[in-house]
Amino acid sequence: LIEPMTTPAAYYSKVIFGAGAGALIFILYLIGV
């Protein structure tokens, strides 16, 4: 998840990235992806 080259560099961008990943994984699990 934290691979440096493909993740954002700025503070709030990293917050959005991490929270977005957690939320999307939850949704994908719910729909059985």
PDB file of all heavy atoms in Angstrom:
ATOM      1  N   LEU A   1       0.816  -1.219   0.000  1.00  0.00           N
ATOM      2  CA  LEU A   1       0.000   0.000   0.000  1.00  0.00           C
ATOM      3  C   LEU A   1       0.847   1.267   0.000  1.00  0.00           C
ATOM      4  O   LEU A   1       0.453   2.277  -0.587  1.00  0.00           O
ATOM      5  CB  LEU A   1      -0.926  -0.005   1.219  1.00  0.00           C
ATOM      6  CG  LEU A   1      -1.846   1.204   1.398  1.00  0.00           C
ATOM      7  CD1 LEU A   1      -2.867   1.267   0.254  1.00  0.00           C
ATOM      8  CD2 LEU A   1      -2.560   1.150   2.744  1.00  0.00           C
ATOM      9  N   ILE A   2       2.012   1.220   0.627  1.00  0.00           N
ATOM     10  CA  ILE A   2       2.802   2.439   0.839  1.00  0.00           C
ATOM     11  C   ILE A   2       3.962   2.567  -0.155  1.00  0.00           C
ATOM     12  O   ILE A   2       4.874   3.356   0.074  1.00  0.00           O
ATOM     13  CB  ILE A   2       3.311   2.506   2.297  1.00  0.00           C
ATOM     14  CG1 ILE A   2       3.940   1.171   2.760  1.00  0.00           C
ATOM     15  CG2 ILE A   2       2.158   2.834   3.220  1.00  0.00           C
ATOM     16  CD1 ILE A   2       5.363   0.992   2.421  1.00  0.00           C
ATOM     17  N   GLU A   3       3.934   1.813  -1.247  1.00  0.00           N
ATOM     18  CA  GLU A   3       5.003   1.875  -2.255  1.00  0.00           C
ATOM     19  C   GLU A   3       5.213   3.329  -2.685  1.00  0.00           C
ATOM     20  O   GLU A   3       4.277   4.000  -3.112  1.00  0.00           O
ATOM     21  CB  GLU A   3       4.625   1.002  -3.449  1.00  0.00           C
ATOM     22  CG  GLU A   3       5.782   0.675  -4.372  1.00  0.00           C
ATOM     23  CD  GLU A   3       5.971   1.698  -5.471  1.00  0.00           C
ATOM     24  OE1 GLU A   3       4.986   2.338  -5.866  1.00  0.00           O
ATOM     25  OE2 GLU A   3       7.104   1.858  -5.944  1.00  0.00           O
ATOM     26  N   PRO A   4       6.430   3.872  -2.553  1.00  0.00           N
ATOM     27  CA  PRO A   4       6.653   5.316  -2.688  1.00  0.00           C
ATOM     28  C   PRO A   4       6.393   5.913  -4.063  1.00  0.00           C
ATOM     29  O   PRO A   4       5.896   7.036  -4.175  1.00  0.00           O
ATOM     30  CB  PRO A   4       8.126   5.490  -2.277  1.00  0.00           C
ATOM     31  CG  PRO A   4       8.741   4.141  -2.442  1.00  0.00           C
ATOM     32  CD  PRO A   4       7.658   3.150  -2.150  1.00  0.00           C
ATOM     33  N   MET A   5       6.723   5.199  -5.141  1.00  0.00           N
ATOM     34  CA  MET A   5       6.637   5.792  -6.476  1.00  0.00           C
ATOM     35  C   MET A   5       5.214   5.952  -6.982  1.00  0.00           C
ATOM     36  O   MET A   5       4.947   6.786  -7.852  1.00  0.00           O
ATOM     37  CB  MET A   5       7.433   4.938  -7.464  1.00  0.00           C
ATOM     38  CG  MET A   5       8.930   4.982  -7.257  1.00  0.00           C
ATOM     39  SD  MET A   5       9.622   6.624  -7.567  1.00  0.00           S
ATOM     40  CE  MET A   5       9.424   6.739  -9.344  1.00  0.00           C
ATOM     41  N   THR A   6       4.290   5.168  -6.471  1.00  0.00           N
ATOM     42  CA  THR A   6       2.916   5.195  -7.001  1.00  0.00           C
ATOM     43  C   THR A   6       1.911   5.737  -5.994  1.00  0.00           C
ATOM     44  O   THR A   6       0.704   5.556  -6.154  1.00  0.00           O
ATOM     45  CB  THR A   6       2.494   3.781  -7.443  1.00  0.00           C
ATOM     46  OG1 THR A   6       2.650   2.872  -6.337  1.00  0.00           O
ATOM     47  CG2 THR A   6       3.339   3.306  -8.598  1.00  0.00           C
ATOM     48  N   THR A   7       2.404   6.401  -4.948  1.00  0.00           N
ATOM     49  CA  THR A   7       1.536   7.019  -3.948  1.00  0.00           C
ATOM     50  C   THR A   7       1.866   8.506  -3.857  1.00  0.00           C
ATOM     51  O   THR A   7       2.970   8.922  -4.206  1.00  0.00           O
ATOM     52  CB  THR A   7       1.712   6.354  -2.569  1.00  0.00           C
ATOM     53  OG1 THR A   7       3.117   6.362  -2.218  1.00  0.00           O
ATOM     54  CG2 THR A   7       1.215   4.926  -2.582  1.00  0.00           C
ATOM     55  N   PRO A   8       0.929   9.321  -3.380  1.00  0.00           N
ATOM     56  CA  PRO A   8       1.146  10.776  -3.347  1.00  0.00           C
ATOM     57  C   PRO A   8       2.255  11.192  -2.389  1.00  0.00           C
ATOM     58  O   PRO A   8       2.639  10.447  -1.482  1.00  0.00           O
ATOM     59  CB  PRO A   8      -0.216  11.318  -2.874  1.00  0.00           C
ATOM     60  CG  PRO A   8      -1.184  10.211  -3.069  1.00  0.00           C
ATOM     61  CD  PRO A   8      -0.416   8.942  -2.918  1.00  0.00           C
ATOM     62  N   ALA A   9       2.725  12.418  -2.577  1.00  0.00           N
ATOM     63  CA  ALA A   9       3.817  12.944  -1.756  1.00  0.00           C
ATOM     64  C   ALA A   9       3.351  13.950  -0.714  1.00  0.00           C
ATOM     65  O   ALA A   9       3.919  14.033   0.377  1.00  0.00           O
ATOM     66  CB  ALA A   9       4.873  13.588  -2.656  1.00  0.00           C
ATOM     67  N   ALA A  10       2.314  14.728  -1.014  1.00  0.00           N
ATOM     68  CA  ALA A  10       1.857  15.775  -0.102  1.00  0.00           C
ATOM     69  C   ALA A  10       1.039  15.195   1.051  1.00  0.00           C
ATOM     70  O   ALA A  10       0.408  14.140   0.913  1.00  0.00           O
ATOM     71  CB  ALA A  10       1.040  16.814  -0.856  1.00  0.00           C
ATOM     72  N   TYR A  11       1.016  15.898   2.172  1.00  0.00           N
ATOM     73  CA  TYR A  11       0.392  15.407   3.405  1.00  0.00           C
ATOM     74  C   TYR A  11      -1.076  15.017   3.211  1.00  0.00           C
ATOM     75  O   TYR A  11      -1.458  13.867   3.442  1.00  0.00           O
ATOM     76  CB  TYR A  11       0.506  16.474   4.503  1.00  0.00           C
ATOM     77  CG  TYR A  11      -0.170  16.088   5.797  1.00  0.00           C
ATOM     78  CD1 TYR A  11       0.497  15.329   6.754  1.00  0.00           C
ATOM     79  CD2 TYR A  11      -1.486  16.463   6.060  1.00  0.00           C
ATOM     80  CE1 TYR A  11      -0.115  14.965   7.944  1.00  0.00           C
ATOM     81  CE2 TYR A  11      -2.110  16.106   7.241  1.00  0.00           C
ATOM     82  CZ  TYR A  11      -1.420  15.362   8.179  1.00  0.00           C
ATOM     83  OH  TYR A  11      -2.043  14.994   9.345  1.00  0.00           O
ATOM     84  N   TYR A  12      -1.910  15.978   2.817  1.00  0.00           N
ATOM     85  CA  TYR A  12      -3.342  15.698   2.700  1.00  0.00           C
ATOM     86  C   TYR A  12      -3.642  14.731   1.556  1.00  0.00           C
ATOM     87  O   TYR A  12      -4.619  13.983   1.613  1.00  0.00           O
ATOM     88  CB  TYR A  12      -4.133  17.000   2.530  1.00  0.00           C
ATOM     89  CG  TYR A  12      -4.197  17.809   3.799  1.00  0.00           C
ATOM     90  CD1 TYR A  12      -3.521  19.016   3.914  1.00  0.00           C
ATOM     91  CD2 TYR A  12      -4.916  17.348   4.902  1.00  0.00           C
ATOM     92  CE1 TYR A  12      -3.554  19.757   5.090  1.00  0.00           C
ATOM     93  CE2 TYR A  12      -4.964  18.080   6.076  1.00  0.00           C
ATOM     94  CZ  TYR A  12      -4.276  19.284   6.171  1.00  0.00           C
ATOM     95  OH  TYR A  12      -4.315  20.003   7.342  1.00  0.00           O
ATOM     96  N   SER A  13      -2.806  14.736   0.548  1.00  0.00           N
ATOM     97  CA  SER A  13      -2.984  13.786  -0.550  1.00  0.00           C
ATOM     98  C   SER A  13      -2.753  12.357  -0.068  1.00  0.00           C
ATOM     99  O   SER A  13      -3.455  11.428  -0.468  1.00  0.00           O
ATOM    100  CB  SER A  13      -2.028  14.118  -1.695  1.00  0.00           C
ATOM    101  OG  SER A  13      -2.335  15.366  -2.263  1.00  0.00           O
ATOM    102  N   LYS A  14      -1.770  12.189   0.814  1.00  0.00           N
ATOM    103  CA  LYS A  14      -1.517  10.871   1.386  1.00  0.00           C
ATOM    104  C   LYS A  14      -2.670  10.439   2.287  1.00  0.00           C
ATOM    105  O   LYS A  14      -3.039   9.255   2.305  1.00  0.00           O
ATOM    106  CB  LYS A  14      -0.194  10.880   2.158  1.00  0.00           C
ATOM    107  CG  LYS A  14       1.036  10.948   1.261  1.00  0.00           C
ATOM    108  CD  LYS A  14       2.332  10.823   2.041  1.00  0.00           C
ATOM    109  CE  LYS A  14       2.705  12.105   2.736  1.00  0.00           C
ATOM    110  NZ  LYS A  14       4.049  12.059   3.348  1.00  0.00           N
ATOM    111  N   VAL A  15      -3.241  11.381   3.011  1.00  0.00           N
ATOM    112  CA  VAL A  15      -4.403  11.074   3.854  1.00  0.00           C
ATOM    113  C   VAL A  15      -5.576  10.607   2.997  1.00  0.00           C
ATOM    114  O   VAL A  15      -6.238   9.606   3.305  1.00  0.00           O
ATOM    115  CB  VAL A  15      -4.817  12.311   4.688  1.00  0.00           C
ATOM    116  CG1 VAL A  15      -6.155  12.064   5.396  1.00  0.00           C
ATOM    117  CG2 VAL A  15      -3.734  12.652   5.714  1.00  0.00           C
ATOM    118  N   ILE A  16      -5.819  11.324   1.906  1.00  0.00           N
ATOM    119  CA  ILE A  16      -6.905  10.954   0.991  1.00  0.00           C
ATOM    120  C   ILE A  16      -6.652   9.579   0.386  1.00  0.00           C
ATOM    121  O   ILE A  16      -7.561   8.749   0.270  1.00  0.00           O
ATOM    122  CB  ILE A  16      -7.051  12.017  -0.123  1.00  0.00           C
ATOM    123  CG1 ILE A  16      -7.525  13.349   0.467  1.00  0.00           C
ATOM    124  CG2 ILE A  16      -8.031  11.540  -1.201  1.00  0.00           C
ATOM    125  CD1 ILE A  16      -7.472  14.507  -0.522  1.00  0.00           C
ATOM    126  N   PHE A  17      -5.417   9.328  -0.007  1.00  0.00           N
ATOM    127  CA  PHE A  17      -5.061   8.046  -0.620  1.00  0.00           C
ATOM    128  C   PHE A  17      -5.324   6.893   0.347  1.00  0.00           C
ATOM    129  O   PHE A  17      -5.959   5.896  -0.014  1.00  0.00           O
ATOM    130  CB  PHE A  17      -3.586   8.062  -1.031  1.00  0.00           C
ATOM    131  CG  PHE A  17      -3.141   6.852  -1.798  1.00  0.00           C
ATOM    132  CD1 PHE A  17      -3.122   6.852  -3.180  1.00  0.00           C
ATOM    133  CD2 PHE A  17      -2.723   5.701  -1.138  1.00  0.00           C
ATOM    134  CE1 PHE A  17      -2.709   5.746  -3.896  1.00  0.00           C
ATOM    135  CE2 PHE A  17      -2.303   4.578  -1.836  1.00  0.00           C
ATOM    136  CZ  PHE A  17      -2.297   4.599  -3.219  1.00  0.00           C
ATOM    137  N   GLY A  18      -4.828   7.012   1.572  1.00  0.00           N
ATOM    138  CA  GLY A  18      -4.995   5.939   2.548  1.00  0.00           C
ATOM    139  C   GLY A  18      -6.439   5.703   2.916  1.00  0.00           C
ATOM    140  O   GLY A  18      -6.914   4.552   2.945  1.00  0.00           O
ATOM    141  N   ALA A  19      -7.168   6.795   3.187  1.00  0.00           N
ATOM    142  CA  ALA A  19      -8.585   6.661   3.545  1.00  0.00           C
ATOM    143  C   ALA A  19      -9.391   6.121   2.363  1.00  0.00           C
ATOM    144  O   ALA A  19     -10.296   5.287   2.546  1.00  0.00           O
ATOM    145  CB  ALA A  19      -9.140   8.020   3.983  1.00  0.00           C
ATOM    146  N   GLY A  20      -9.058   6.577   1.166  1.00  0.00           N
ATOM    147  CA  GLY A  20      -9.747   6.097  -0.018  1.00  0.00           C
ATOM    148  C   GLY A  20      -9.540   4.614  -0.245  1.00  0.00           C
ATOM    149  O   GLY A  20     -10.463   3.887  -0.618  1.00  0.00           O
ATOM    150  N   ALA A  21      -8.315   4.154  -0.013  1.00  0.00           N
ATOM    151  CA  ALA A  21      -8.028   2.726  -0.160  1.00  0.00           C
ATOM    152  C   ALA A  21      -8.818   1.901   0.840  1.00  0.00           C
ATOM    153  O   ALA A  21      -9.401   0.868   0.494  1.00  0.00           O
ATOM    154  CB  ALA A  21      -6.527   2.473   0.008  1.00  0.00           C
ATOM    155  N   GLY A  22      -8.848   2.355   2.091  1.00  0.00           N
ATOM    156  CA  GLY A  22      -9.610   1.635   3.112  1.00  0.00           C
ATOM    157  C   GLY A  22     -11.092   1.571   2.794  1.00  0.00           C
ATOM    158  O   GLY A  22     -11.718   0.516   2.933  1.00  0.00           O
ATOM    159  N   ALA A  23     -11.652   2.699   2.338  1.00  0.00           N
ATOM    160  CA  ALA A  23     -13.079   2.744   2.012  1.00  0.00           C
ATOM    161  C   ALA A  23     -13.398   1.882   0.795  1.00  0.00           C
ATOM    162  O   ALA A  23     -14.404   1.154   0.785  1.00  0.00           O
ATOM    163  CB  ALA A  23     -13.498   4.195   1.761  1.00  0.00           C
ATOM    164  N   LEU A  24     -12.557   1.962  -0.219  1.00  0.00           N
ATOM    165  CA  LEU A  24     -12.825   1.205  -1.449  1.00  0.00           C
ATOM    166  C   LEU A  24     -12.700  -0.297  -1.205  1.00  0.00           C
ATOM    167  O   LEU A  24     -13.494  -1.085  -1.741  1.00  0.00           O
ATOM    168  CB  LEU A  24     -11.861   1.650  -2.559  1.00  0.00           C
ATOM    169  CG  LEU A  24     -12.085   1.029  -3.939  1.00  0.00           C
ATOM    170  CD1 LEU A  24     -13.522   1.224  -4.398  1.00  0.00           C
ATOM    171  CD2 LEU A  24     -11.116   1.633  -4.952  1.00  0.00           C
ATOM    172  N   ILE A  25     -11.731  -0.699  -0.406  1.00  0.00           N
ATOM    173  CA  ILE A  25     -11.592  -2.120  -0.077  1.00  0.00           C
ATOM    174  C   ILE A  25     -12.842  -2.619   0.647  1.00  0.00           C
ATOM    175  O   ILE A  25     -13.341  -3.712   0.361  1.00  0.00           O
ATOM    176  CB  ILE A  25     -10.332  -2.357   0.773  1.00  0.00           C
ATOM    177  CG1 ILE A  25      -9.086  -2.209  -0.088  1.00  0.00           C
ATOM    178  CG2 ILE A  25     -10.358  -3.751   1.418  1.00  0.00           C
ATOM    179  CD1 ILE A  25      -7.790  -2.217   0.685  1.00  0.00           C
ATOM    180  N   PHE A  26     -13.362  -1.811   1.560  1.00  0.00           N
ATOM    181  CA  PHE A  26     -14.582  -2.188   2.285  1.00  0.00           C
ATOM    182  C   PHE A  26     -15.743  -2.379   1.312  1.00  0.00           C
ATOM    183  O   PHE A  26     -16.481  -3.378   1.389  1.00  0.00           O
ATOM    184  CB  PHE A  26     -14.931  -1.105   3.308  1.00  0.00           C
ATOM    185  CG  PHE A  26     -16.227  -1.335   4.029  1.00  0.00           C
ATOM    186  CD1 PHE A  26     -16.312  -2.267   5.053  1.00  0.00           C
ATOM    187  CD2 PHE A  26     -17.375  -0.629   3.673  1.00  0.00           C
ATOM    188  CE1 PHE A  26     -17.514  -2.486   5.715  1.00  0.00           C
ATOM    189  CE2 PHE A  26     -18.578  -0.845   4.327  1.00  0.00           C
ATOM    190  CZ  PHE A  26     -18.647  -1.778   5.350  1.00  0.00           C
ATOM    191  N   ILE A  27     -15.905  -1.437   0.391  1.00  0.00           N
ATOM    192  CA  ILE A  27     -17.000  -1.516  -0.588  1.00  0.00           C
ATOM    193  C   ILE A  27     -16.839  -2.742  -1.478  1.00  0.00           C
ATOM    194  O   ILE A  27     -17.803  -3.471  -1.756  1.00  0.00           O
ATOM    195  CB  ILE A  27     -17.043  -0.235  -1.441  1.00  0.00           C
ATOM    196  CG1 ILE A  27     -17.428   0.974  -0.573  1.00  0.00           C
ATOM    197  CG2 ILE A  27     -18.031  -0.382  -2.602  1.00  0.00           C
ATOM    198  CD1 ILE A  27     -17.270   2.302  -1.275  1.00  0.00           C
ATOM    199  N   LEU A  28     -15.615  -2.984  -1.939  1.00  0.00           N
ATOM    200  CA  LEU A  28     -15.363  -4.113  -2.829  1.00  0.00           C
ATOM    201  C   LEU A  28     -15.610  -5.450  -2.136  1.00  0.00           C
ATOM    202  O   LEU A  28     -16.117  -6.397  -2.747  1.00  0.00           O
ATOM    203  CB  LEU A  28     -13.929  -4.056  -3.369  1.00  0.00           C
ATOM    204  CG  LEU A  28     -13.614  -2.873  -4.296  1.00  0.00           C
ATOM    205  CD1 LEU A  28     -12.141  -2.834  -4.647  1.00  0.00           C
ATOM    206  CD2 LEU A  28     -14.463  -2.959  -5.571  1.00  0.00           C
ATOM    207  N   TYR A  29     -15.260  -5.526  -0.858  1.00  0.00           N
ATOM    208  CA  TYR A  29     -15.561  -6.734  -0.094  1.00  0.00           C
ATOM    209  C   TYR A  29     -17.067  -6.942   0.030  1.00  0.00           C
ATOM    210  O   TYR A  29     -17.566  -8.075  -0.074  1.00  0.00           O
ATOM    211  CB  TYR A  29     -14.934  -6.666   1.296  1.00  0.00           C
ATOM    212  CG  TYR A  29     -13.552  -7.262   1.383  1.00  0.00           C
ATOM    213  CD1 TYR A  29     -12.476  -6.517   1.844  1.00  0.00           C
ATOM    214  CD2 TYR A  29     -13.316  -8.587   1.010  1.00  0.00           C
ATOM    215  CE1 TYR A  29     -11.200  -7.057   1.920  1.00  0.00           C
ATOM    216  CE2 TYR A  29     -12.052  -9.139   1.081  1.00  0.00           C
ATOM    217  CZ  TYR A  29     -10.998  -8.375   1.540  1.00  0.00           C
ATOM    218  OH  TYR A  29      -9.748  -8.933   1.609  1.00  0.00           O
ATOM    219  N   LEU A  30     -17.794  -5.853   0.252  1.00  0.00           N
ATOM    220  CA  LEU A  30     -19.247  -5.951   0.403  1.00  0.00           C
ATOM    221  C   LEU A  30     -19.917  -6.510  -0.851  1.00  0.00           C
ATOM    222  O   LEU A  30     -20.873  -7.283  -0.766  1.00  0.00           O
ATOM    223  CB  LEU A  30     -19.843  -4.575   0.726  1.00  0.00           C
ATOM    224  CG  LEU A  30     -19.763  -4.078   2.164  1.00  0.00           C
ATOM    225  CD1 LEU A  30     -20.469  -2.737   2.293  1.00  0.00           C
ATOM    226  CD2 LEU A  30     -20.395  -5.093   3.132  1.00  0.00           C
ATOM    227  N   ILE A  31     -19.419  -6.108  -2.018  1.00  0.00           N
ATOM    228  CA  ILE A  31     -20.054  -6.553  -3.265  1.00  0.00           C
ATOM    229  C   ILE A  31     -19.388  -7.808  -3.829  1.00  0.00           C
ATOM    230  O   ILE A  31     -19.739  -8.264  -4.914  1.00  0.00           O
ATOM    231  CB  ILE A  31     -20.060  -5.428  -4.316  1.00  0.00           C
ATOM    232  CG1 ILE A  31     -18.626  -4.992  -4.675  1.00  0.00           C
ATOM    233  CG2 ILE A  31     -20.860  -4.234  -3.806  1.00  0.00           C
ATOM    234  CD1 ILE A  31     -18.565  -3.900  -5.745  1.00  0.00           C
ATOM    235  N   GLY A  32     -18.429  -8.349  -3.083  1.00  0.00           N
ATOM    236  CA  GLY A  32     -17.840  -9.638  -3.451  1.00  0.00           C
ATOM    237  C   GLY A  32     -16.820  -9.608  -4.565  1.00  0.00           C
ATOM    238  O   GLY A  32     -16.680 -10.597  -5.303  1.00  0.00           O
ATOM    239  N   VAL A  33     -16.092  -8.500  -4.705  1.00  0.00           N
ATOM    240  CA  VAL A  33     -15.072  -8.405  -5.749  1.00  0.00           C
ATOM    241  C   VAL A  33     -13.842  -9.209  -5.339  1.00  0.00           C
ATOM    242  O   VAL A  33     -13.341  -9.075  -4.217  1.00  0.00           O
ATOM    243  CB  VAL A  33     -14.682  -6.940  -6.002  1.00  0.00           C
ATOM    244  CG1 VAL A  33     -13.492  -6.848  -6.960  1.00  0.00           C
ATOM    245  CG2 VAL A  33     -15.869  -6.178  -6.573  1.00  0.00           C
TER     246      VAL A  33
END
